[in-house]
C-alpha cells in the first residue's frame, strides 16, 4: 500500500509530515487531504493565515501528487479533479 505525506505550506513556512499515511491510492489521498484541510480550518485555535495555506501531498519518492489549497475545502461540492486540488 502506498504511503502519502501531507506537508502544509503557509507562506514561507513549511510543516513537514515525517510519518505519512498508508492509503489505497491517490484518490484516497485526495479524500484524506480534503478532510485534513477541513480539520485544520475548523480547529478552535485555527490561525487565520491557514485559509491561504496549501497542502502538498507527496508519495514515497517525494514526488508531489497533489496540491490542495485549504480554501478549496470550503467549497460545498468538491471541484472536478481537472483543476486545482487535482492529482498530478
N, C-alpha and C. Protein backbone atom coordinates (compact mmCIF):
# COMPACT_ATOMS: atom_id res chain seq x y z
N UNK A 1 0.85 -1.17 0.00
CA UNK A 1 0.00 0.00 0.00
C UNK A 1 0.90 1.23 0.00
N UNK A 2 0.61 2.20 -0.87
CA UNK A 2 1.47 3.40 -0.93
C UNK A 2 1.32 4.28 0.30
N UNK A 3 2.39 4.99 0.60
CA UNK A 3 2.40 5.94 1.72
C UNK A 3 2.40 7.35 1.14
N UNK A 4 1.57 8.22 1.72
CA UNK A 4 1.47 9.61 1.30
C UNK A 4 1.81 10.51 2.47
N UNK A 5 2.48 11.63 2.17
CA UNK A 5 2.92 12.59 3.17
C UNK A 5 2.20 13.91 2.91
N UNK A 6 1.70 14.53 3.97
CA UNK A 6 0.87 15.74 3.87
C UNK A 6 1.64 16.92 4.46
N UNK A 7 2.25 17.72 3.60
CA UNK A 7 3.07 18.85 4.03
C UNK A 7 2.26 20.14 3.90
N UNK A 8 2.26 20.93 4.96
CA UNK A 8 1.49 22.17 5.00
C UNK A 8 2.41 23.35 4.72
N UNK A 9 2.05 24.15 3.72
CA UNK A 9 2.81 25.35 3.35
C UNK A 9 1.94 26.57 3.67
N UNK A 10 2.45 27.42 4.57
CA UNK A 10 1.76 28.66 4.93
C UNK A 10 2.75 29.78 4.65
N UNK A 11 2.57 30.44 3.51
CA UNK A 11 3.55 31.44 3.10
C UNK A 11 4.91 30.78 2.92
N UNK A 12 5.92 31.30 3.62
CA UNK A 12 7.27 30.73 3.54
C UNK A 12 7.51 29.61 4.54
N UNK A 13 6.54 29.38 5.43
CA UNK A 13 6.69 28.34 6.45
C UNK A 13 6.18 27.00 5.92
N UNK A 14 6.89 25.95 6.27
CA UNK A 14 6.51 24.60 5.86
C UNK A 14 6.50 23.70 7.10
N UNK A 15 5.40 22.98 7.25
CA UNK A 15 5.28 21.99 8.31
C UNK A 15 5.30 20.63 7.61
N UNK A 16 6.39 19.90 7.81
CA UNK A 16 6.57 18.60 7.15
C UNK A 16 5.86 17.49 7.91
N UNK A 17 5.34 16.55 7.18
CA UNK A 17 4.74 15.34 7.74
C UNK A 17 5.79 14.24 7.64
N UNK A 18 6.47 13.91 8.74
CA UNK A 18 7.56 12.93 8.66
C UNK A 18 7.09 11.48 8.57
N UNK A 19 5.86 11.21 8.97
CA UNK A 19 5.39 9.82 9.05
C UNK A 19 4.52 9.40 7.88
N UNK A 20 3.73 10.30 7.36
CA UNK A 20 2.84 9.96 6.27
C UNK A 20 1.75 9.01 6.71
N UNK A 21 1.04 8.53 5.70
CA UNK A 21 -0.11 7.66 5.97
C UNK A 21 -0.28 6.70 4.80
N UNK A 22 -0.47 5.44 5.10
CA UNK A 22 -0.71 4.46 4.05
C UNK A 22 -2.16 4.55 3.60
N UNK A 23 -2.35 4.68 2.30
CA UNK A 23 -3.69 4.78 1.71
C UNK A 23 -3.74 3.92 0.46
N UNK A 24 -4.95 3.55 0.07
CA UNK A 24 -5.13 2.65 -1.08
C UNK A 24 -4.55 3.21 -2.38
N UNK A 25 -4.82 4.50 -2.63
CA UNK A 25 -4.40 5.08 -3.90
C UNK A 25 -4.46 6.61 -3.82
N UNK A 26 -4.17 7.26 -4.95
CA UNK A 26 -4.15 8.72 -4.99
C UNK A 26 -5.54 9.32 -4.74
N UNK A 27 -6.59 8.63 -5.15
CA UNK A 27 -7.94 9.13 -4.87
C UNK A 27 -8.21 9.15 -3.37
N UNK A 28 -7.77 8.13 -2.67
CA UNK A 28 -7.92 8.09 -1.21
C UNK A 28 -7.09 9.20 -0.57
N UNK A 29 -5.93 9.51 -1.15
CA UNK A 29 -5.10 10.60 -0.65
C UNK A 29 -5.82 11.93 -0.82
N UNK A 30 -6.52 12.10 -1.94
CA UNK A 30 -7.29 13.34 -2.18
C UNK A 30 -8.36 13.50 -1.11
N UNK A 31 -9.09 12.43 -0.83
CA UNK A 31 -10.15 12.48 0.19
C UNK A 31 -9.55 12.79 1.57
N UNK A 32 -8.43 12.16 1.90
CA UNK A 32 -7.78 12.40 3.19
C UNK A 32 -7.28 13.83 3.28
N UNK A 33 -6.81 14.38 2.17
CA UNK A 33 -6.32 15.75 2.15
C UNK A 33 -7.45 16.73 2.40
N UNK A 34 -8.59 16.51 1.76
CA UNK A 34 -9.75 17.40 1.95
C UNK A 34 -10.21 17.34 3.41
N UNK A 35 -10.25 16.15 3.98
CA UNK A 35 -10.64 16.00 5.39
C UNK A 35 -9.66 16.73 6.30
N UNK A 36 -8.37 16.57 6.05
CA UNK A 36 -7.35 17.25 6.84
C UNK A 36 -7.50 18.76 6.73
N UNK A 37 -7.74 19.25 5.53
CA UNK A 37 -7.90 20.69 5.33
C UNK A 37 -9.08 21.22 6.14
N UNK A 38 -10.19 20.52 6.11
CA UNK A 38 -11.36 20.94 6.90
C UNK A 38 -11.05 20.92 8.39
N UNK A 39 -10.34 19.92 8.86
CA UNK A 39 -9.98 19.84 10.27
C UNK A 39 -9.09 21.01 10.67
N UNK A 40 -8.13 21.34 9.82
CA UNK A 40 -7.23 22.46 10.13
C UNK A 40 -8.00 23.78 10.19
N UNK A 41 -8.91 23.97 9.25
CA UNK A 41 -9.67 25.23 9.20
C UNK A 41 -10.69 25.35 10.31
N UNK A 42 -11.17 24.23 10.84
CA UNK A 42 -12.21 24.26 11.87
C UNK A 42 -11.65 24.18 13.28
N UNK A 43 -10.35 24.06 13.41
CA UNK A 43 -9.74 23.98 14.73
C UNK A 43 -10.09 25.21 15.57
N UNK A 44 -10.30 25.01 16.86
CA UNK A 44 -10.71 26.09 17.76
C UNK A 44 -9.71 27.24 17.76
N UNK A 45 -8.44 26.94 17.64
CA UNK A 45 -7.42 27.99 17.66
C UNK A 45 -6.75 28.13 16.29
N UNK A 46 -7.54 27.91 15.24
CA UNK A 46 -7.00 27.96 13.87
C UNK A 46 -6.42 29.33 13.56
N UNK A 47 -5.27 29.33 12.98
CA UNK A 47 -4.60 30.55 12.54
C UNK A 47 -5.35 31.11 11.33
N UNK A 48 -5.71 32.38 11.33
CA UNK A 48 -6.43 32.94 10.18
C UNK A 48 -5.63 32.87 8.88
N UNK A 49 -4.32 32.73 8.96
CA UNK A 49 -3.50 32.60 7.75
C UNK A 49 -3.67 31.24 7.09
N UNK A 50 -4.29 30.30 7.79
CA UNK A 50 -4.48 28.96 7.22
C UNK A 50 -5.32 28.97 5.94
N UNK A 51 -6.20 29.94 5.80
CA UNK A 51 -7.05 29.98 4.60
C UNK A 51 -6.19 30.13 3.35
N UNK A 52 -4.97 30.64 3.50
CA UNK A 52 -4.07 30.80 2.36
C UNK A 52 -3.05 29.66 2.26
N UNK A 53 -3.14 28.70 3.15
CA UNK A 53 -2.20 27.58 3.16
C UNK A 53 -2.51 26.60 2.04
N UNK A 54 -1.50 25.81 1.71
CA UNK A 54 -1.64 24.77 0.69
C UNK A 54 -1.05 23.48 1.25
N UNK A 55 -1.78 22.40 1.08
CA UNK A 55 -1.26 21.08 1.43
C UNK A 55 -0.62 20.48 0.18
N UNK A 56 0.62 20.09 0.30
CA UNK A 56 1.32 19.39 -0.78
C UNK A 56 1.44 17.93 -0.34
N UNK A 57 0.89 17.05 -1.13
CA UNK A 57 0.93 15.63 -0.82
C UNK A 57 1.98 14.99 -1.71
N UNK A 58 2.91 14.27 -1.07
CA UNK A 58 3.96 13.59 -1.81
C UNK A 58 3.85 12.09 -1.58
N UNK A 59 4.45 11.34 -2.48
CA UNK A 59 4.48 9.89 -2.35
C UNK A 59 5.80 9.45 -1.73
N UNK A 60 6.03 8.15 -1.70
CA UNK A 60 7.27 7.63 -1.11
C UNK A 60 8.53 8.17 -1.77
N UNK A 61 8.42 8.53 -3.04
CA UNK A 61 9.56 9.07 -3.79
C UNK A 61 9.71 10.57 -3.62
N UNK A 62 8.85 11.17 -2.79
CA UNK A 62 8.79 12.60 -2.55
C UNK A 62 8.34 13.38 -3.78
N UNK A 63 7.69 12.71 -4.73
CA UNK A 63 7.08 13.39 -5.87
C UNK A 63 5.74 13.96 -5.42
N UNK A 64 5.47 15.21 -5.80
CA UNK A 64 4.19 15.83 -5.46
C UNK A 64 3.10 15.19 -6.32
N UNK A 65 2.09 14.63 -5.64
CA UNK A 65 0.97 14.01 -6.34
C UNK A 65 -0.29 14.86 -6.24
N UNK A 66 -0.28 15.87 -5.35
CA UNK A 66 -1.46 16.69 -5.14
C UNK A 66 -1.08 18.01 -4.50
N UNK A 67 -1.64 19.09 -5.02
CA UNK A 67 -1.55 20.41 -4.40
C UNK A 67 -2.98 20.80 -4.05
N UNK A 68 -3.24 21.06 -2.77
CA UNK A 68 -4.60 21.32 -2.32
C UNK A 68 -4.64 22.59 -1.48
N UNK A 69 -5.11 23.72 -2.05
CA UNK A 69 -5.29 24.93 -1.25
C UNK A 69 -6.37 24.68 -0.19
N UNK A 70 -6.11 25.02 1.04
CA UNK A 70 -7.08 24.78 2.10
C UNK A 70 -8.41 25.46 1.81
N UNK A 71 -8.37 26.61 1.15
CA UNK A 71 -9.61 27.32 0.83
C UNK A 71 -10.54 26.47 -0.03
N UNK A 72 -9.98 25.56 -0.80
CA UNK A 72 -10.78 24.69 -1.66
C UNK A 72 -11.65 23.74 -0.86
N UNK A 73 -11.26 23.44 0.37
CA UNK A 73 -12.04 22.53 1.21
C UNK A 73 -13.37 23.16 1.62
N UNK A 74 -13.48 24.47 1.51
CA UNK A 74 -14.70 25.16 1.91
C UNK A 74 -15.77 25.14 0.83
N UNK A 75 -15.43 24.69 -0.35
CA UNK A 75 -16.38 24.59 -1.45
C UNK A 75 -17.32 23.43 -1.14
N UNK A 76 -18.62 23.68 -1.21
CA UNK A 76 -19.62 22.68 -0.85
C UNK A 76 -19.46 21.40 -1.67
N UNK A 77 -19.39 21.53 -2.98
CA UNK A 77 -19.21 20.38 -3.85
C UNK A 77 -17.77 20.36 -4.31
N UNK A 78 -17.03 19.30 -4.02
CA UNK A 78 -15.63 19.24 -4.46
C UNK A 78 -15.53 19.46 -5.97
N UNK A 79 -14.51 20.22 -6.39
CA UNK A 79 -14.36 20.51 -7.81
C UNK A 79 -13.99 19.26 -8.60
N UNK A 80 -14.22 19.34 -9.90
CA UNK A 80 -13.73 18.31 -10.79
C UNK A 80 -12.23 18.25 -10.61
N UNK A 81 -11.66 17.11 -10.55
CA UNK A 81 -10.23 16.99 -10.27
C UNK A 81 -9.36 17.36 -11.46
N UNK A 82 -9.89 18.09 -12.42
CA UNK A 82 -9.07 18.53 -13.54
C UNK A 82 -8.51 19.93 -13.32
N UNK A 83 -8.86 20.58 -12.21
CA UNK A 83 -8.38 21.92 -11.90
C UNK A 83 -7.49 21.87 -10.69
N UNK A 84 -7.55 22.93 -9.84
CA UNK A 84 -6.77 22.94 -8.59
C UNK A 84 -7.22 21.79 -7.70
N UNK A 85 -6.36 21.38 -6.83
CA UNK A 85 -6.68 20.30 -5.94
C UNK A 85 -6.74 18.96 -6.65
N UNK A 86 -6.05 18.87 -7.77
CA UNK A 86 -6.11 17.64 -8.54
C UNK A 86 -4.86 16.82 -8.34
N UNK A 87 -4.98 15.60 -8.72
CA UNK A 87 -3.84 14.70 -8.67
C UNK A 87 -2.92 14.98 -9.82
N UNK A 88 -1.64 14.84 -9.61
CA UNK A 88 -0.66 15.05 -10.66
C UNK A 88 -0.40 13.76 -11.40
